[in-house]
């Protein structure tokens, strides 16, 4: 049972693309615009038409005992799968995670 949730952003570059892969990604680029990005357990991939790189955003549930490196590993595996489903490869993954329990919400003082 998940006791914590991490918000993870994975950034990477596409592996070298052939003309068919490039055309397929460009045909679906509007579906993967940054304005479509959401943090979900399935994750979302966004990229620009330049096809230089991509960003994958996801939520990863974890137990209190799981190390952050395990969470990042799962997020990177999800990102690799999502990019492969688009018909492309990946390289140069970097990730940053935030434990949602650590986020402090400041409420405005009432006047």
N, C-alpha and C. Protein backbone atom coordinates (compact mmCIF):
# COMPACT_ATOMS: atom_id res chain seq x y z
N UNK A 1 0.84 -1.18 0.00
CA UNK A 1 0.00 0.00 0.00
C UNK A 1 0.89 1.25 0.00
N UNK A 2 0.59 2.16 -0.90
CA UNK A 2 1.38 3.39 -1.00
C UNK A 2 1.08 4.31 0.18
N UNK A 3 2.14 4.81 0.76
CA UNK A 3 2.00 5.74 1.87
C UNK A 3 2.47 7.13 1.49
N UNK A 4 3.22 7.21 0.39
CA UNK A 4 3.75 8.48 -0.09
C UNK A 4 3.54 8.55 -1.59
N UNK A 5 3.57 9.75 -2.10
CA UNK A 5 3.51 9.94 -3.54
C UNK A 5 4.58 10.94 -3.93
N UNK A 6 5.32 10.58 -4.97
CA UNK A 6 6.36 11.45 -5.51
C UNK A 6 5.89 11.99 -6.86
N UNK A 7 6.19 13.23 -7.09
CA UNK A 7 5.98 13.86 -8.39
C UNK A 7 7.36 13.85 -9.05
N UNK A 8 7.45 13.21 -10.23
CA UNK A 8 8.76 13.05 -10.87
C UNK A 8 8.72 13.65 -12.27
N UNK A 9 9.78 14.39 -12.60
CA UNK A 9 9.97 14.91 -13.95
C UNK A 9 11.22 14.25 -14.51
N UNK A 10 11.06 13.55 -15.63
CA UNK A 10 12.17 12.90 -16.32
C UNK A 10 12.40 13.65 -17.62
N UNK A 11 13.61 14.09 -17.84
CA UNK A 11 13.96 14.74 -19.10
C UNK A 11 14.94 13.84 -19.84
N UNK A 12 14.82 13.83 -21.15
CA UNK A 12 15.72 13.01 -21.94
C UNK A 12 15.78 13.50 -23.37
N UNK A 13 16.61 12.82 -24.11
CA UNK A 13 16.74 13.12 -25.54
C UNK A 13 16.29 11.90 -26.31
N UNK A 14 15.75 12.15 -27.48
CA UNK A 14 15.40 11.04 -28.36
C UNK A 14 16.69 10.44 -28.90
N UNK A 15 16.72 9.11 -29.00
CA UNK A 15 17.83 8.45 -29.70
C UNK A 15 17.75 8.90 -31.16
N UNK A 16 18.83 8.76 -31.90
CA UNK A 16 18.76 9.20 -33.31
C UNK A 16 17.52 8.65 -34.02
N UNK A 17 16.82 9.55 -34.69
CA UNK A 17 15.55 9.22 -35.34
C UNK A 17 15.74 9.06 -36.84
N UNK A 18 15.08 8.05 -37.41
CA UNK A 18 15.08 7.96 -38.87
C UNK A 18 13.90 8.79 -39.40
N UNK A 19 13.78 8.87 -40.69
CA UNK A 19 12.74 9.72 -41.29
C UNK A 19 11.32 9.27 -40.92
N UNK A 20 11.10 7.96 -40.83
CA UNK A 20 9.78 7.44 -40.49
C UNK A 20 9.43 7.81 -39.05
N UNK A 21 10.36 7.63 -38.12
CA UNK A 21 10.12 7.99 -36.72
C UNK A 21 9.86 9.48 -36.57
N UNK A 22 10.68 10.27 -37.26
CA UNK A 22 10.53 11.73 -37.20
C UNK A 22 9.14 12.14 -37.70
N UNK A 23 8.71 11.58 -38.82
CA UNK A 23 7.39 11.91 -39.38
C UNK A 23 6.27 11.50 -38.42
N UNK A 24 6.41 10.32 -37.79
CA UNK A 24 5.37 9.85 -36.86
C UNK A 24 5.29 10.75 -35.64
N UNK A 25 6.43 11.15 -35.10
CA UNK A 25 6.42 12.05 -33.94
C UNK A 25 5.85 13.42 -34.29
N UNK A 26 6.21 13.94 -35.45
CA UNK A 26 5.69 15.24 -35.87
C UNK A 26 4.18 15.18 -36.10
N UNK A 27 3.68 14.06 -36.60
CA UNK A 27 2.25 13.91 -36.84
C UNK A 27 1.45 13.95 -35.54
N UNK A 28 2.08 13.54 -34.43
CA UNK A 28 1.39 13.50 -33.13
C UNK A 28 1.86 14.60 -32.19
N UNK A 29 2.62 15.54 -32.68
CA UNK A 29 3.21 16.57 -31.82
C UNK A 29 2.17 17.39 -31.07
N UNK A 30 1.05 17.69 -31.69
CA UNK A 30 0.02 18.49 -31.01
C UNK A 30 -0.55 17.77 -29.78
N UNK A 31 -0.60 16.43 -29.84
CA UNK A 31 -1.09 15.63 -28.71
C UNK A 31 -0.10 15.65 -27.54
N UNK A 32 1.16 16.00 -27.83
CA UNK A 32 2.22 15.95 -26.83
C UNK A 32 2.82 17.33 -26.55
N UNK A 33 2.01 18.34 -26.76
CA UNK A 33 2.39 19.71 -26.47
C UNK A 33 2.47 19.90 -24.95
N UNK A 34 3.29 20.83 -24.50
CA UNK A 34 3.47 21.07 -23.07
C UNK A 34 2.14 21.42 -22.37
N UNK A 35 1.21 21.96 -23.10
CA UNK A 35 -0.09 22.30 -22.51
C UNK A 35 -0.94 21.07 -22.22
N UNK A 36 -0.53 19.91 -22.71
CA UNK A 36 -1.22 18.65 -22.44
C UNK A 36 -0.63 17.92 -21.24
N UNK A 37 0.45 18.44 -20.67
CA UNK A 37 1.18 17.77 -19.59
C UNK A 37 0.36 17.69 -18.31
N UNK A 38 0.40 16.51 -17.70
CA UNK A 38 -0.26 16.29 -16.42
C UNK A 38 0.60 15.33 -15.61
N UNK A 39 0.52 15.45 -14.31
CA UNK A 39 1.15 14.49 -13.43
C UNK A 39 0.12 13.42 -13.12
N UNK A 40 0.28 12.23 -13.70
CA UNK A 40 -0.60 11.10 -13.45
C UNK A 40 0.26 9.88 -13.19
N UNK A 41 -0.34 8.81 -12.69
CA UNK A 41 0.42 7.59 -12.46
C UNK A 41 0.87 6.95 -13.77
N UNK A 42 0.13 7.17 -14.86
CA UNK A 42 0.54 6.66 -16.17
C UNK A 42 1.64 7.53 -16.77
N UNK A 43 1.59 8.81 -16.44
CA UNK A 43 2.57 9.77 -16.94
C UNK A 43 2.19 10.34 -18.29
N UNK A 44 2.78 11.48 -18.60
CA UNK A 44 2.57 12.11 -19.91
C UNK A 44 3.91 12.54 -20.50
N UNK A 45 4.03 12.34 -21.80
CA UNK A 45 5.23 12.74 -22.54
C UNK A 45 4.92 14.01 -23.30
N UNK A 46 5.80 14.98 -23.20
CA UNK A 46 5.68 16.19 -24.02
C UNK A 46 6.99 16.40 -24.77
N UNK A 47 6.88 17.01 -25.94
CA UNK A 47 8.06 17.34 -26.73
C UNK A 47 7.72 18.44 -27.71
N UNK A 48 8.76 19.12 -28.17
CA UNK A 48 8.57 20.19 -29.16
C UNK A 48 8.84 19.64 -30.55
N UNK A 49 8.41 20.38 -31.53
CA UNK A 49 8.57 19.95 -32.92
C UNK A 49 10.03 19.84 -33.36
N UNK A 50 10.93 20.43 -32.63
CA UNK A 50 12.35 20.31 -32.96
C UNK A 50 12.84 18.88 -32.74
N UNK A 51 12.12 18.10 -31.92
CA UNK A 51 12.43 16.70 -31.61
C UNK A 51 13.82 16.52 -31.00
N UNK A 52 14.29 17.53 -30.30
CA UNK A 52 15.59 17.41 -29.64
C UNK A 52 15.48 16.59 -28.36
N UNK A 53 14.40 16.77 -27.64
CA UNK A 53 14.24 16.06 -26.38
C UNK A 53 12.80 15.96 -25.97
N UNK A 54 12.58 15.35 -24.82
CA UNK A 54 11.23 15.16 -24.31
C UNK A 54 11.24 15.33 -22.80
N UNK A 55 10.04 15.52 -22.26
CA UNK A 55 9.84 15.58 -20.81
C UNK A 55 8.72 14.61 -20.47
N UNK A 56 8.91 13.86 -19.41
CA UNK A 56 7.90 12.90 -18.94
C UNK A 56 7.56 13.28 -17.51
N UNK A 57 6.28 13.47 -17.23
CA UNK A 57 5.82 13.83 -15.89
C UNK A 57 4.95 12.71 -15.36
N UNK A 58 5.19 12.31 -14.10
CA UNK A 58 4.38 11.25 -13.53
C UNK A 58 4.31 11.35 -12.01
N UNK A 59 3.34 10.63 -11.45
CA UNK A 59 3.22 10.46 -10.01
C UNK A 59 3.60 9.01 -9.70
N UNK A 60 4.45 8.82 -8.71
CA UNK A 60 4.89 7.48 -8.35
C UNK A 60 4.54 7.22 -6.88
N UNK A 61 3.62 6.28 -6.63
CA UNK A 61 3.31 5.93 -5.25
C UNK A 61 4.46 5.09 -4.68
N UNK A 62 4.72 5.24 -3.39
CA UNK A 62 5.81 4.51 -2.76
C UNK A 62 5.50 4.26 -1.29
N UNK A 63 6.19 3.30 -0.72
CA UNK A 63 6.09 3.09 0.72
C UNK A 63 7.10 4.00 1.39
N UNK A 64 6.95 4.19 2.67
CA UNK A 64 7.89 5.05 3.41
C UNK A 64 9.31 4.48 3.40
N UNK A 65 9.44 3.17 3.26
CA UNK A 65 10.75 2.53 3.29
C UNK A 65 11.51 2.64 1.96
N UNK A 66 10.81 2.90 0.87
CA UNK A 66 11.46 2.94 -0.44
C UNK A 66 12.33 4.18 -0.60
N UNK A 67 13.53 3.96 -1.08
CA UNK A 67 14.46 5.06 -1.31
C UNK A 67 14.01 5.88 -2.52
N UNK A 68 14.39 7.14 -2.52
CA UNK A 68 14.05 8.02 -3.64
C UNK A 68 14.64 7.49 -4.95
N UNK A 69 15.81 6.86 -4.87
CA UNK A 69 16.43 6.32 -6.09
C UNK A 69 15.57 5.22 -6.72
N UNK A 70 14.86 4.46 -5.91
CA UNK A 70 13.95 3.43 -6.42
C UNK A 70 12.78 4.09 -7.15
N UNK A 71 12.26 5.14 -6.56
CA UNK A 71 11.15 5.88 -7.16
C UNK A 71 11.58 6.47 -8.51
N UNK A 72 12.75 7.06 -8.54
CA UNK A 72 13.26 7.64 -9.79
C UNK A 72 13.48 6.54 -10.83
N UNK A 73 13.98 5.40 -10.40
CA UNK A 73 14.16 4.28 -11.32
C UNK A 73 12.86 3.84 -11.95
N UNK A 74 11.81 3.78 -11.14
CA UNK A 74 10.49 3.40 -11.69
C UNK A 74 9.99 4.45 -12.67
N UNK A 75 10.18 5.73 -12.33
CA UNK A 75 9.74 6.81 -13.22
C UNK A 75 10.50 6.77 -14.54
N UNK A 76 11.80 6.51 -14.49
CA UNK A 76 12.59 6.44 -15.72
C UNK A 76 12.19 5.24 -16.57
N UNK A 77 11.82 4.14 -15.93
CA UNK A 77 11.33 2.98 -16.68
C UNK A 77 10.00 3.30 -17.36
N UNK A 78 9.11 4.01 -16.65
CA UNK A 78 7.85 4.45 -17.26
C UNK A 78 8.11 5.37 -18.45
N UNK A 79 9.06 6.29 -18.29
CA UNK A 79 9.39 7.22 -19.37
C UNK A 79 9.92 6.46 -20.59
N UNK A 80 10.81 5.50 -20.36
CA UNK A 80 11.38 4.72 -21.47
C UNK A 80 10.27 3.97 -22.21
N UNK A 81 9.33 3.41 -21.46
CA UNK A 81 8.22 2.69 -22.07
C UNK A 81 7.34 3.63 -22.88
N UNK A 82 7.04 4.80 -22.32
CA UNK A 82 6.19 5.77 -23.01
C UNK A 82 6.82 6.24 -24.31
N UNK A 83 8.12 6.49 -24.29
CA UNK A 83 8.81 6.93 -25.51
C UNK A 83 8.86 5.78 -26.53
N UNK A 84 9.07 4.56 -26.06
CA UNK A 84 9.08 3.41 -26.97
C UNK A 84 7.70 3.23 -27.63
N UNK A 85 6.63 3.49 -26.86
CA UNK A 85 5.28 3.40 -27.43
C UNK A 85 5.04 4.45 -28.50
N UNK A 86 5.81 5.53 -28.47
CA UNK A 86 5.73 6.55 -29.53
C UNK A 86 6.55 6.13 -30.75
N UNK A 87 7.29 5.04 -30.62
CA UNK A 87 8.09 4.54 -31.74
C UNK A 87 9.50 5.10 -31.77
N UNK A 88 9.99 5.56 -30.64
CA UNK A 88 11.33 6.16 -30.60
C UNK A 88 12.13 5.56 -29.44
N UNK A 89 13.42 5.78 -29.50
CA UNK A 89 14.29 5.39 -28.41
C UNK A 89 14.64 6.61 -27.57
N UNK A 90 15.39 6.38 -26.50
CA UNK A 90 15.74 7.48 -25.61
C UNK A 90 17.21 7.39 -25.21
N UNK A 91 17.71 8.50 -24.66
CA UNK A 91 19.07 8.54 -24.09
C UNK A 91 19.15 9.74 -23.15
N UNK A 92 20.21 9.78 -22.37
CA UNK A 92 20.52 10.92 -21.51
C UNK A 92 19.38 11.32 -20.56
N UNK A 93 18.84 10.34 -19.84
CA UNK A 93 17.76 10.65 -18.90
C UNK A 93 18.31 11.32 -17.64
N UNK A 94 17.62 12.37 -17.21
CA UNK A 94 17.88 13.00 -15.92
C UNK A 94 16.53 13.20 -15.25
N UNK A 95 16.52 13.06 -13.94
CA UNK A 95 15.24 13.12 -13.24
C UNK A 95 15.34 13.94 -11.98
N UNK A 96 14.20 14.50 -11.60
CA UNK A 96 14.07 15.20 -10.33
C UNK A 96 12.73 14.79 -9.73
N UNK A 97 12.75 14.53 -8.42
CA UNK A 97 11.51 14.11 -7.77
C UNK A 97 11.21 14.99 -6.58
N UNK A 98 9.94 15.07 -6.27
CA UNK A 98 9.47 15.84 -5.10
C UNK A 98 8.50 14.96 -4.33
N UNK A 99 8.77 14.78 -3.06
CA UNK A 99 7.84 14.08 -2.18
C UNK A 99 6.69 15.05 -1.90
N UNK A 100 5.49 14.68 -2.30
CA UNK A 100 4.37 15.60 -2.15
C UNK A 100 4.07 15.92 -0.70
N UNK A 101 4.50 15.06 0.23
CA UNK A 101 4.34 15.36 1.65
C UNK A 101 5.20 16.54 2.09
N UNK A 102 6.26 16.82 1.34
CA UNK A 102 7.17 17.91 1.69
C UNK A 102 6.73 19.28 1.19
N UNK A 103 5.70 19.31 0.38
CA UNK A 103 5.24 20.58 -0.18
C UNK A 103 4.41 21.31 0.87
N UNK A 104 4.81 22.51 1.15
CA UNK A 104 4.08 23.34 2.11
C UNK A 104 3.18 24.30 1.33
N UNK A 105 1.96 24.36 1.74
CA UNK A 105 1.01 25.28 1.10
C UNK A 105 0.82 26.46 2.03
N UNK A 106 1.18 27.62 1.53
CA UNK A 106 0.97 28.83 2.32
C UNK A 106 -0.39 29.39 2.01
N UNK A 107 -1.11 29.65 3.04
CA UNK A 107 -2.42 30.29 2.88
C UNK A 107 -2.25 31.77 3.13
N UNK A 108 -2.90 32.55 2.31
CA UNK A 108 -2.84 34.01 2.49
C UNK A 108 -3.48 34.42 3.79
N UNK A 109 -2.84 35.32 4.43
CA UNK A 109 -3.41 35.87 5.66
C UNK A 109 -4.63 36.70 5.30
N UNK A 110 -5.63 36.56 6.10
CA UNK A 110 -6.85 37.35 5.85
C UNK A 110 -6.67 38.71 6.47
N UNK A 111 -7.13 39.73 5.73
CA UNK A 111 -7.00 41.09 6.26
C UNK A 111 -8.24 41.53 6.94
